[in-house]
N, C-alpha and C. Protein backbone atom coordinates (compact mmCIF):
# COMPACT_ATOMS: atom_id res chain seq x y z
N MET A 1 0.85 -1.18 0.00
CA MET A 1 0.00 0.00 0.00
C MET A 1 0.89 1.24 0.00
N ARG A 2 0.59 2.19 -0.84
CA ARG A 2 1.37 3.40 -0.99
C ARG A 2 0.89 4.45 0.00
N ARG A 3 1.83 5.11 0.67
CA ARG A 3 1.47 6.18 1.61
C ARG A 3 1.35 7.49 0.82
N THR A 4 0.29 8.22 1.05
CA THR A 4 0.06 9.46 0.33
C THR A 4 -0.06 10.61 1.31
N PRO A 5 0.40 11.80 0.93
CA PRO A 5 0.26 12.95 1.82
C PRO A 5 -1.19 13.36 1.96
N CYS A 6 -1.51 13.89 3.10
CA CYS A 6 -2.87 14.33 3.36
C CYS A 6 -2.81 15.68 4.06
N PHE A 7 -3.73 16.55 3.75
CA PHE A 7 -3.77 17.87 4.34
C PHE A 7 -5.05 18.01 5.16
N ASP A 8 -4.96 18.69 6.31
CA ASP A 8 -6.11 18.96 7.19
C ASP A 8 -6.72 17.71 7.79
N GLY A 9 -5.95 16.72 8.13
CA GLY A 9 -6.47 15.52 8.79
C GLY A 9 -6.90 14.48 7.78
N CYS A 10 -6.75 13.21 8.16
CA CYS A 10 -7.07 12.13 7.24
C CYS A 10 -7.97 11.12 7.93
N ALA A 11 -8.59 10.30 7.11
CA ALA A 11 -9.54 9.33 7.63
C ALA A 11 -8.87 8.07 8.16
N ASP A 12 -7.68 7.74 7.71
CA ASP A 12 -7.01 6.53 8.21
C ASP A 12 -5.53 6.80 8.44
N SER A 13 -4.83 5.81 8.93
CA SER A 13 -3.44 6.00 9.31
C SER A 13 -2.47 5.91 8.15
N THR A 14 -2.94 5.58 6.95
CA THR A 14 -2.03 5.46 5.82
C THR A 14 -1.73 6.81 5.20
N GLY A 15 -2.41 7.85 5.63
CA GLY A 15 -2.13 9.17 5.09
C GLY A 15 -3.09 9.57 3.98
N GLY A 16 -4.02 8.76 3.60
CA GLY A 16 -4.97 9.10 2.56
C GLY A 16 -6.38 8.73 2.95
N SER A 17 -7.33 9.02 2.13
CA SER A 17 -8.70 8.65 2.39
C SER A 17 -8.85 7.15 2.21
N PRO A 18 -9.83 6.51 2.87
CA PRO A 18 -10.00 5.07 2.73
C PRO A 18 -10.24 4.69 1.27
N GLY A 19 -9.47 3.78 0.77
CA GLY A 19 -9.63 3.31 -0.60
C GLY A 19 -9.09 4.24 -1.65
N ASN A 20 -8.35 5.26 -1.24
CA ASN A 20 -7.83 6.24 -2.19
C ASN A 20 -6.33 6.06 -2.30
N ASP A 21 -5.85 5.78 -3.51
CA ASP A 21 -4.42 5.65 -3.72
C ASP A 21 -3.79 6.95 -4.19
N GLY A 22 -4.56 8.00 -4.37
CA GLY A 22 -4.04 9.30 -4.83
C GLY A 22 -3.87 10.25 -3.66
N PHE A 23 -3.71 11.51 -3.97
CA PHE A 23 -3.55 12.53 -2.93
C PHE A 23 -4.90 12.91 -2.37
N ALA A 24 -4.95 13.11 -1.08
CA ALA A 24 -6.16 13.57 -0.42
C ALA A 24 -6.06 15.09 -0.30
N VAL A 25 -6.87 15.82 -1.03
CA VAL A 25 -6.83 17.27 -1.03
C VAL A 25 -8.01 17.78 -0.23
N ARG A 26 -7.74 18.61 0.72
CA ARG A 26 -8.77 19.15 1.60
C ARG A 26 -8.95 20.64 1.31
N PRO A 27 -10.07 21.24 1.76
CA PRO A 27 -10.33 22.65 1.48
C PRO A 27 -9.26 23.60 2.01
N GLY A 28 -8.55 23.25 3.07
CA GLY A 28 -7.51 24.12 3.61
C GLY A 28 -6.40 24.37 2.61
N LEU A 29 -6.14 23.40 1.75
CA LEU A 29 -5.11 23.56 0.73
C LEU A 29 -5.48 24.67 -0.24
N PHE A 30 -6.76 24.77 -0.57
CA PHE A 30 -7.20 25.81 -1.48
C PHE A 30 -7.01 27.20 -0.89
N ALA A 31 -7.17 27.33 0.42
CA ALA A 31 -6.95 28.62 1.08
C ALA A 31 -5.47 29.00 0.99
N VAL A 32 -4.59 28.04 1.17
CA VAL A 32 -3.16 28.31 1.07
C VAL A 32 -2.80 28.73 -0.35
N VAL A 33 -3.36 28.04 -1.34
CA VAL A 33 -3.08 28.38 -2.74
C VAL A 33 -3.62 29.78 -3.05
N ALA A 34 -4.81 30.11 -2.55
CA ALA A 34 -5.38 31.44 -2.79
C ALA A 34 -4.52 32.53 -2.17
N LEU A 35 -4.00 32.29 -0.96
CA LEU A 35 -3.12 33.28 -0.33
C LEU A 35 -1.83 33.45 -1.12
N TYR A 36 -1.29 32.36 -1.63
CA TYR A 36 -0.07 32.46 -2.43
C TYR A 36 -0.33 33.26 -3.71
N ILE A 37 -1.47 33.02 -4.35
CA ILE A 37 -1.80 33.76 -5.58
C ILE A 37 -1.92 35.24 -5.28
N LEU A 38 -2.59 35.60 -4.18
CA LEU A 38 -2.72 37.01 -3.83
C LEU A 38 -1.35 37.63 -3.54
N TRP A 39 -0.47 36.88 -2.86
CA TRP A 39 0.87 37.38 -2.59
C TRP A 39 1.62 37.61 -3.90
N ALA A 40 1.52 36.64 -4.82
CA ALA A 40 2.24 36.76 -6.09
C ALA A 40 1.70 37.92 -6.92
N LEU A 41 0.40 38.22 -6.79
CA LEU A 41 -0.18 39.30 -7.58
C LEU A 41 0.14 40.68 -7.02
N PHE A 42 0.18 40.82 -5.69
CA PHE A 42 0.25 42.16 -5.12
C PHE A 42 1.53 42.46 -4.34
N VAL A 43 2.03 41.52 -3.57
CA VAL A 43 3.17 41.81 -2.70
C VAL A 43 4.49 41.71 -3.46
N ALA A 44 4.70 40.62 -4.19
CA ALA A 44 5.97 40.42 -4.89
C ALA A 44 6.26 41.53 -5.90
N PRO A 45 5.28 41.99 -6.69
CA PRO A 45 5.59 43.10 -7.61
C PRO A 45 5.95 44.40 -6.89
N ALA A 46 5.46 44.58 -5.66
CA ALA A 46 5.80 45.79 -4.92
C ALA A 46 7.29 45.82 -4.59
N TYR A 47 7.87 44.65 -4.32
CA TYR A 47 9.31 44.60 -4.07
C TYR A 47 10.08 45.00 -5.32
N ALA A 48 9.64 44.53 -6.48
CA ALA A 48 10.33 44.88 -7.73
C ALA A 48 10.20 46.37 -8.02
N ALA A 49 9.04 46.95 -7.71
CA ALA A 49 8.84 48.38 -7.98
C ALA A 49 9.65 49.25 -7.02
N ALA A 50 10.04 48.69 -5.87
CA ALA A 50 10.77 49.47 -4.88
C ALA A 50 12.26 49.54 -5.17
N GLN A 51 12.73 48.86 -6.21
CA GLN A 51 14.15 48.90 -6.53
C GLN A 51 14.55 50.32 -6.94
N THR A 52 15.72 50.69 -6.54
CA THR A 52 16.20 52.04 -6.88
C THR A 52 17.40 51.94 -7.80
N VAL A 53 17.68 53.07 -8.42
CA VAL A 53 18.86 53.16 -9.27
C VAL A 53 20.08 53.05 -8.35
N GLN A 54 21.13 52.40 -8.81
CA GLN A 54 22.32 52.18 -7.98
C GLN A 54 22.90 53.50 -7.51
N ASP A 55 23.45 53.44 -6.31
CA ASP A 55 24.08 54.64 -5.75
C ASP A 55 25.32 54.99 -6.56
N SER A 56 25.48 56.28 -6.77
CA SER A 56 26.63 56.74 -7.55
C SER A 56 27.85 56.97 -6.66
N GLY A 57 27.62 57.06 -5.37
CA GLY A 57 28.73 57.37 -4.46
C GLY A 57 28.83 58.85 -4.16
N ASP A 58 28.14 59.68 -4.93
CA ASP A 58 28.13 61.13 -4.73
C ASP A 58 26.79 61.49 -4.10
N PRO A 59 26.76 61.95 -2.85
CA PRO A 59 25.48 62.22 -2.18
C PRO A 59 24.66 63.31 -2.87
N VAL A 60 25.31 64.31 -3.45
CA VAL A 60 24.58 65.37 -4.15
C VAL A 60 23.88 64.80 -5.38
N LEU A 61 24.59 63.99 -6.15
CA LEU A 61 24.00 63.37 -7.34
C LEU A 61 22.87 62.43 -6.96
N ASP A 62 23.06 61.69 -5.88
CA ASP A 62 22.00 60.78 -5.43
C ASP A 62 20.74 61.55 -5.05
N ARG A 63 20.89 62.69 -4.37
CA ARG A 63 19.73 63.51 -4.02
C ARG A 63 19.07 64.09 -5.26
N LEU A 64 19.87 64.53 -6.25
CA LEU A 64 19.31 65.06 -7.49
C LEU A 64 18.53 63.99 -8.25
N ILE A 65 19.09 62.79 -8.32
CA ILE A 65 18.40 61.69 -9.01
C ILE A 65 17.10 61.34 -8.29
N ALA A 66 17.15 61.28 -6.95
CA ALA A 66 15.94 60.96 -6.19
C ALA A 66 14.86 62.03 -6.40
N ALA A 67 15.26 63.31 -6.41
CA ALA A 67 14.30 64.39 -6.63
C ALA A 67 13.72 64.32 -8.04
N ALA A 68 14.56 64.02 -9.02
CA ALA A 68 14.08 63.92 -10.40
C ALA A 68 13.12 62.75 -10.56
N LEU A 69 13.40 61.63 -9.91
CA LEU A 69 12.52 60.47 -10.01
C LEU A 69 11.16 60.74 -9.37
N GLU A 70 11.16 61.49 -8.27
CA GLU A 70 9.89 61.80 -7.59
C GLU A 70 9.07 62.82 -8.37
N ALA A 71 9.74 63.77 -9.01
CA ALA A 71 9.03 64.87 -9.67
C ALA A 71 8.69 64.61 -11.12
N ASN A 72 9.27 63.61 -11.73
CA ASN A 72 9.08 63.40 -13.17
C ASN A 72 7.73 62.75 -13.45
N PRO A 73 6.85 63.44 -14.19
CA PRO A 73 5.54 62.84 -14.49
C PRO A 73 5.63 61.66 -15.46
N GLY A 74 6.68 61.62 -16.28
CA GLY A 74 6.83 60.51 -17.21
C GLY A 74 7.05 59.19 -16.49
N VAL A 75 7.86 59.20 -15.45
CA VAL A 75 8.11 57.99 -14.67
C VAL A 75 6.84 57.58 -13.94
N ARG A 76 6.11 58.56 -13.41
CA ARG A 76 4.85 58.23 -12.73
C ARG A 76 3.82 57.68 -13.70
N ALA A 77 3.79 58.19 -14.92
CA ALA A 77 2.84 57.68 -15.92
C ALA A 77 3.18 56.25 -16.31
N VAL A 78 4.47 55.98 -16.48
CA VAL A 78 4.87 54.61 -16.81
C VAL A 78 4.58 53.69 -15.64
N ALA A 79 4.78 54.18 -14.42
CA ALA A 79 4.47 53.37 -13.23
C ALA A 79 2.97 53.11 -13.13
N ALA A 80 2.15 54.05 -13.57
CA ALA A 80 0.70 53.85 -13.54
C ALA A 80 0.28 52.74 -14.49
N ARG A 81 1.05 52.52 -15.55
CA ARG A 81 0.74 51.42 -16.46
C ARG A 81 0.89 50.08 -15.78
N ILE A 82 1.78 50.00 -14.81
CA ILE A 82 1.92 48.75 -14.04
C ILE A 82 0.62 48.46 -13.31
N ASP A 83 0.04 49.47 -12.68
CA ASP A 83 -1.22 49.26 -11.97
C ASP A 83 -2.32 48.80 -12.91
N GLY A 84 -2.36 49.40 -14.10
CA GLY A 84 -3.36 48.98 -15.09
C GLY A 84 -3.13 47.56 -15.55
N ALA A 85 -1.88 47.19 -15.77
CA ALA A 85 -1.58 45.82 -16.20
C ALA A 85 -1.90 44.82 -15.10
N ARG A 86 -1.63 45.18 -13.85
CA ARG A 86 -1.97 44.29 -12.73
C ARG A 86 -3.47 44.13 -12.60
N ALA A 87 -4.21 45.22 -12.82
CA ALA A 87 -5.67 45.13 -12.74
C ALA A 87 -6.20 44.22 -13.84
N GLU A 88 -5.66 44.33 -15.04
CA GLU A 88 -6.09 43.44 -16.13
C GLU A 88 -5.74 41.99 -15.83
N ARG A 89 -4.59 41.76 -15.21
CA ARG A 89 -4.22 40.39 -14.84
C ARG A 89 -5.18 39.85 -13.78
N LEU A 90 -5.58 40.71 -12.84
CA LEU A 90 -6.53 40.27 -11.82
C LEU A 90 -7.88 39.93 -12.45
N VAL A 91 -8.33 40.74 -13.40
CA VAL A 91 -9.59 40.46 -14.10
C VAL A 91 -9.49 39.12 -14.82
N ALA A 92 -8.36 38.87 -15.47
CA ALA A 92 -8.17 37.60 -16.16
C ALA A 92 -8.14 36.44 -15.17
N THR A 93 -7.53 36.64 -14.00
CA THR A 93 -7.46 35.59 -12.99
C THR A 93 -8.84 35.29 -12.42
N LEU A 94 -9.66 36.31 -12.28
CA LEU A 94 -11.00 36.10 -11.73
C LEU A 94 -11.90 35.33 -12.69
N ASP A 95 -11.51 35.19 -13.94
CA ASP A 95 -12.28 34.35 -14.86
C ASP A 95 -12.19 32.87 -14.50
N LEU A 96 -11.25 32.50 -13.62
CA LEU A 96 -11.12 31.11 -13.20
C LEU A 96 -12.12 30.72 -12.12
N VAL A 97 -12.70 31.70 -11.44
CA VAL A 97 -13.60 31.41 -10.33
C VAL A 97 -15.05 31.63 -10.78
N PRO A 98 -15.99 31.03 -10.06
CA PRO A 98 -17.40 31.23 -10.43
C PRO A 98 -17.81 32.69 -10.30
N ARG A 99 -18.73 33.09 -11.15
CA ARG A 99 -19.25 34.46 -11.13
C ARG A 99 -20.68 34.40 -10.60
N VAL A 100 -20.94 35.15 -9.54
CA VAL A 100 -22.26 35.19 -8.92
C VAL A 100 -22.86 36.56 -9.17
N THR A 101 -24.08 36.56 -9.66
CA THR A 101 -24.80 37.80 -9.93
C THR A 101 -26.08 37.79 -9.11
N ALA A 102 -26.36 38.87 -8.42
CA ALA A 102 -27.58 38.98 -7.64
C ALA A 102 -28.36 40.20 -8.13
N SER A 103 -29.66 40.08 -8.11
CA SER A 103 -30.50 41.19 -8.52
C SER A 103 -31.71 41.26 -7.59
N GLY A 104 -32.27 42.43 -7.51
CA GLY A 104 -33.44 42.61 -6.67
C GLY A 104 -34.23 43.81 -7.14
N GLY A 105 -35.49 43.83 -6.80
CA GLY A 105 -36.32 44.94 -7.21
C GLY A 105 -37.58 45.03 -6.36
N TYR A 106 -38.19 46.19 -6.38
CA TYR A 106 -39.41 46.44 -5.64
C TYR A 106 -40.32 47.31 -6.49
N THR A 107 -41.59 46.95 -6.53
CA THR A 107 -42.58 47.73 -7.26
C THR A 107 -43.84 47.81 -6.42
N ARG A 108 -44.41 48.99 -6.36
CA ARG A 108 -45.70 49.15 -5.69
C ARG A 108 -46.69 49.52 -6.78
N GLN A 109 -47.75 48.74 -6.88
CA GLN A 109 -48.71 48.97 -7.96
C GLN A 109 -50.14 49.01 -7.43
N ARG A 110 -50.95 49.73 -8.18
CA ARG A 110 -52.37 49.85 -7.86
C ARG A 110 -53.14 49.52 -9.13
N ILE A 111 -54.04 48.57 -9.05
CA ILE A 111 -54.84 48.16 -10.20
C ILE A 111 -56.13 48.98 -10.20
N SER A 112 -56.50 49.48 -11.35
CA SER A 112 -57.69 50.31 -11.49
C SER A 112 -58.94 49.46 -11.29
N GLY A 113 -59.90 50.01 -10.59
CA GLY A 113 -61.16 49.32 -10.37
C GLY A 113 -61.99 49.22 -11.64
N ALA A 114 -61.70 50.06 -12.65
CA ALA A 114 -62.44 50.02 -13.90
C ALA A 114 -62.18 48.72 -14.65
N ALA A 115 -61.05 48.09 -14.39
CA ALA A 115 -60.74 46.84 -15.08
C ALA A 115 -61.61 45.70 -14.55
N PHE A 116 -62.08 45.79 -13.30
CA PHE A 116 -62.92 44.77 -12.68
C PHE A 116 -64.12 45.44 -12.02
N PRO A 117 -65.16 45.77 -12.78
CA PRO A 117 -66.27 46.55 -12.22
C PRO A 117 -67.11 45.76 -11.21
N ASP A 118 -67.08 44.45 -11.21
CA ASP A 118 -67.92 43.66 -10.31
C ASP A 118 -67.25 43.39 -8.97
N PHE A 119 -66.14 44.01 -8.70
CA PHE A 119 -65.39 43.75 -7.47
C PHE A 119 -65.78 44.78 -6.42
N GLY A 120 -66.75 44.51 -5.63
CA GLY A 120 -67.17 45.31 -4.49
C GLY A 120 -67.27 46.78 -4.79
N ASP A 121 -66.48 47.57 -4.08
CA ASP A 121 -66.54 49.03 -4.23
C ASP A 121 -65.66 49.53 -5.37
N GLY A 122 -65.01 48.62 -6.15
CA GLY A 122 -64.23 49.01 -7.30
C GLY A 122 -62.79 49.40 -6.98
N ARG A 123 -62.40 49.25 -5.73
CA ARG A 123 -61.02 49.56 -5.36
C ARG A 123 -60.29 48.30 -4.96
N PHE A 124 -59.12 48.16 -5.48
CA PHE A 124 -58.22 47.07 -5.08
C PHE A 124 -57.19 47.63 -4.11
N PRO A 125 -56.71 46.81 -3.19
CA PRO A 125 -55.64 47.32 -2.32
C PRO A 125 -54.32 47.46 -3.11
N ASP A 126 -53.47 48.34 -2.62
CA ASP A 126 -52.14 48.48 -3.24
C ASP A 126 -51.38 47.17 -3.09
N GLN A 127 -50.57 46.88 -4.09
CA GLN A 127 -49.80 45.64 -4.05
C GLN A 127 -48.32 45.96 -4.04
N ASP A 128 -47.59 45.29 -3.16
CA ASP A 128 -46.14 45.39 -3.12
C ASP A 128 -45.58 44.14 -3.79
N VAL A 129 -44.76 44.35 -4.83
CA VAL A 129 -44.17 43.24 -5.55
C VAL A 129 -42.65 43.30 -5.35
N TRP A 130 -42.11 42.24 -4.76
CA TRP A 130 -40.67 42.14 -4.52
C TRP A 130 -40.11 41.07 -5.45
N GLU A 131 -38.96 41.36 -6.02
CA GLU A 131 -38.28 40.39 -6.87
C GLU A 131 -36.85 40.22 -6.39
N VAL A 132 -36.43 38.98 -6.26
CA VAL A 132 -35.05 38.68 -5.88
C VAL A 132 -34.58 37.53 -6.77
N GLY A 133 -33.37 37.67 -7.28
CA GLY A 133 -32.84 36.61 -8.12
C GLY A 133 -31.34 36.51 -8.00
N SER A 134 -30.82 35.37 -8.34
CA SER A 134 -29.38 35.18 -8.35
C SER A 134 -29.01 34.24 -9.48
N GLN A 135 -27.77 34.35 -9.90
CA GLN A 135 -27.29 33.52 -11.00
C GLN A 135 -25.85 33.15 -10.69
N LEU A 136 -25.50 31.89 -10.92
CA LEU A 136 -24.15 31.41 -10.75
C LEU A 136 -23.66 30.90 -12.10
N ARG A 137 -22.49 31.40 -12.52
CA ARG A 137 -21.94 31.00 -13.81
C ARG A 137 -20.46 30.70 -13.63
N TRP A 138 -20.02 29.59 -14.20
CA TRP A 138 -18.63 29.20 -14.10
C TRP A 138 -18.19 28.62 -15.43
N GLU A 139 -17.25 29.28 -16.06
CA GLU A 139 -16.73 28.80 -17.33
C GLU A 139 -15.58 27.85 -17.05
N LEU A 140 -15.70 26.63 -17.54
CA LEU A 140 -14.61 25.67 -17.39
C LEU A 140 -13.53 25.99 -18.41
N ASP A 141 -12.30 25.97 -17.96
CA ASP A 141 -11.18 26.30 -18.83
C ASP A 141 -10.64 25.03 -19.47
N ALA A 142 -11.46 24.39 -20.29
CA ALA A 142 -11.10 23.10 -20.86
C ALA A 142 -9.96 23.20 -21.88
N PHE A 143 -9.91 24.27 -22.64
CA PHE A 143 -8.91 24.39 -23.70
C PHE A 143 -7.80 25.39 -23.36
N GLY A 144 -7.79 25.91 -22.14
CA GLY A 144 -6.70 26.77 -21.70
C GLY A 144 -6.79 28.23 -22.11
N ARG A 145 -7.96 28.68 -22.57
CA ARG A 145 -8.09 30.07 -23.00
C ARG A 145 -7.84 31.03 -21.83
N VAL A 146 -8.43 30.75 -20.68
CA VAL A 146 -8.29 31.64 -19.54
C VAL A 146 -6.85 31.59 -19.00
N ARG A 147 -6.29 30.40 -18.89
CA ARG A 147 -4.91 30.28 -18.40
C ARG A 147 -3.93 30.99 -19.32
N ASN A 148 -4.14 30.87 -20.62
CA ASN A 148 -3.26 31.57 -21.56
C ASN A 148 -3.43 33.09 -21.46
N ARG A 149 -4.65 33.54 -21.23
CA ARG A 149 -4.89 34.97 -21.07
C ARG A 149 -4.20 35.48 -19.80
N ILE A 150 -4.24 34.70 -18.73
CA ILE A 150 -3.55 35.09 -17.50
C ILE A 150 -2.05 35.18 -17.74
N GLY A 151 -1.51 34.21 -18.46
CA GLY A 151 -0.09 34.24 -18.78
C GLY A 151 0.28 35.45 -19.61
N GLY A 152 -0.57 35.80 -20.57
CA GLY A 152 -0.33 36.98 -21.40
C GLY A 152 -0.39 38.26 -20.59
N GLN A 153 -1.35 38.34 -19.69
CA GLN A 153 -1.45 39.53 -18.84
C GLN A 153 -0.26 39.62 -17.89
N GLY A 154 0.22 38.46 -17.42
CA GLY A 154 1.42 38.47 -16.58
C GLY A 154 2.62 38.98 -17.34
N ALA A 155 2.73 38.61 -18.62
CA ALA A 155 3.83 39.10 -19.45
C ALA A 155 3.72 40.61 -19.64
N LEU A 156 2.50 41.12 -19.77
CA LEU A 156 2.32 42.57 -19.90
C LEU A 156 2.72 43.30 -18.61
N VAL A 157 2.44 42.68 -17.45
CA VAL A 157 2.87 43.27 -16.18
C VAL A 157 4.40 43.31 -16.13
N ASP A 158 5.04 42.21 -16.51
CA ASP A 158 6.50 42.17 -16.52
C ASP A 158 7.08 43.24 -17.46
N ALA A 159 6.46 43.39 -18.62
CA ALA A 159 6.93 44.40 -19.58
C ALA A 159 6.76 45.80 -19.02
N ALA A 160 5.65 46.05 -18.34
CA ALA A 160 5.42 47.37 -17.74
C ALA A 160 6.43 47.65 -16.63
N GLU A 161 6.76 46.62 -15.84
CA GLU A 161 7.76 46.81 -14.79
C GLU A 161 9.14 47.12 -15.40
N GLU A 162 9.46 46.45 -16.49
CA GLU A 162 10.73 46.73 -17.16
C GLU A 162 10.72 48.13 -17.77
N ASP A 163 9.59 48.57 -18.26
CA ASP A 163 9.50 49.94 -18.80
C ASP A 163 9.75 50.98 -17.71
N VAL A 164 9.23 50.71 -16.51
CA VAL A 164 9.46 51.64 -15.40
C VAL A 164 10.95 51.69 -15.07
N GLU A 165 11.56 50.52 -14.98
CA GLU A 165 12.99 50.50 -14.65
C GLU A 165 13.80 51.20 -15.74
N ALA A 166 13.44 50.99 -17.00
CA ALA A 166 14.15 51.64 -18.10
C ALA A 166 13.97 53.16 -18.03
N ALA A 167 12.77 53.62 -17.72
CA ALA A 167 12.53 55.07 -17.60
C ALA A 167 13.33 55.65 -16.44
N ARG A 168 13.41 54.92 -15.35
CA ARG A 168 14.19 55.39 -14.19
C ARG A 168 15.67 55.50 -14.55
N VAL A 169 16.19 54.49 -15.24
CA VAL A 169 17.60 54.49 -15.62
C VAL A 169 17.88 55.63 -16.60
N ARG A 170 16.98 55.83 -17.58
CA ARG A 170 17.18 56.92 -18.55
C ARG A 170 17.19 58.27 -17.85
N LEU A 171 16.26 58.46 -16.91
CA LEU A 171 16.21 59.73 -16.19
C LEU A 171 17.45 59.91 -15.32
N ALA A 172 17.88 58.85 -14.64
CA ALA A 172 19.09 58.95 -13.81
C ALA A 172 20.31 59.24 -14.68
N ALA A 173 20.36 58.64 -15.86
CA ALA A 173 21.49 58.89 -16.77
C ALA A 173 21.47 60.34 -17.26
N ALA A 174 20.29 60.86 -17.55
CA ALA A 174 20.19 62.24 -18.00
C ALA A 174 20.62 63.21 -16.90
N VAL A 175 20.21 62.95 -15.66
CA VAL A 175 20.60 63.81 -14.55
C VAL A 175 22.11 63.73 -14.34
N ALA A 176 22.66 62.50 -14.39
CA ALA A 176 24.09 62.33 -14.19
C ALA A 176 24.90 63.01 -15.30
N THR A 177 24.39 62.95 -16.54
CA THR A 177 25.07 63.59 -17.66
C THR A 177 25.11 65.10 -17.47
N GLU A 178 23.99 65.68 -17.04
CA GLU A 178 23.97 67.12 -16.81
C GLU A 178 24.80 67.51 -15.59
N TYR A 179 24.88 66.64 -14.62
CA TYR A 179 25.64 66.93 -13.40
C TYR A 179 27.13 66.99 -13.69
N TYR A 180 27.62 66.06 -14.51
CA TYR A 180 29.05 66.03 -14.82
C TYR A 180 29.29 66.89 -16.02
């Protein structure tokens, strides 16, 4: 009998579910994977964006470069493209999960007594009509369209990050050229 890893507790001492020769996957594993995906989408790119141009060894030049990087709208515009690319990647990633849509409505209506003349005094009471609905939709990624789109959006994020670094280096080089 083959021993298999099990997450979040197992039904028997062999490490797997009874009669299961494969891996026993529990819901806790999905939470760990979801946290890793969120970290990879938001935290790791922040470290890359925090990289600075190498120190020149001259404190005056370093201060001038830092001031130019903070004040330059071109660098900020290129950096804003990273946020847009990350948002598009998140939208592409959310295509992997079910989409839930909820709707609701309220209508108050009064029916005219002229439509039903034989109804007592000809007045109907006001009617409150409430509507509530929900829809669950999940597209299965059988042919890899969504996964490929996520990969493409990830490549666009990487390209945007490289554009920011290139803009920072160009600006630092321009400041250093004028300084010397």
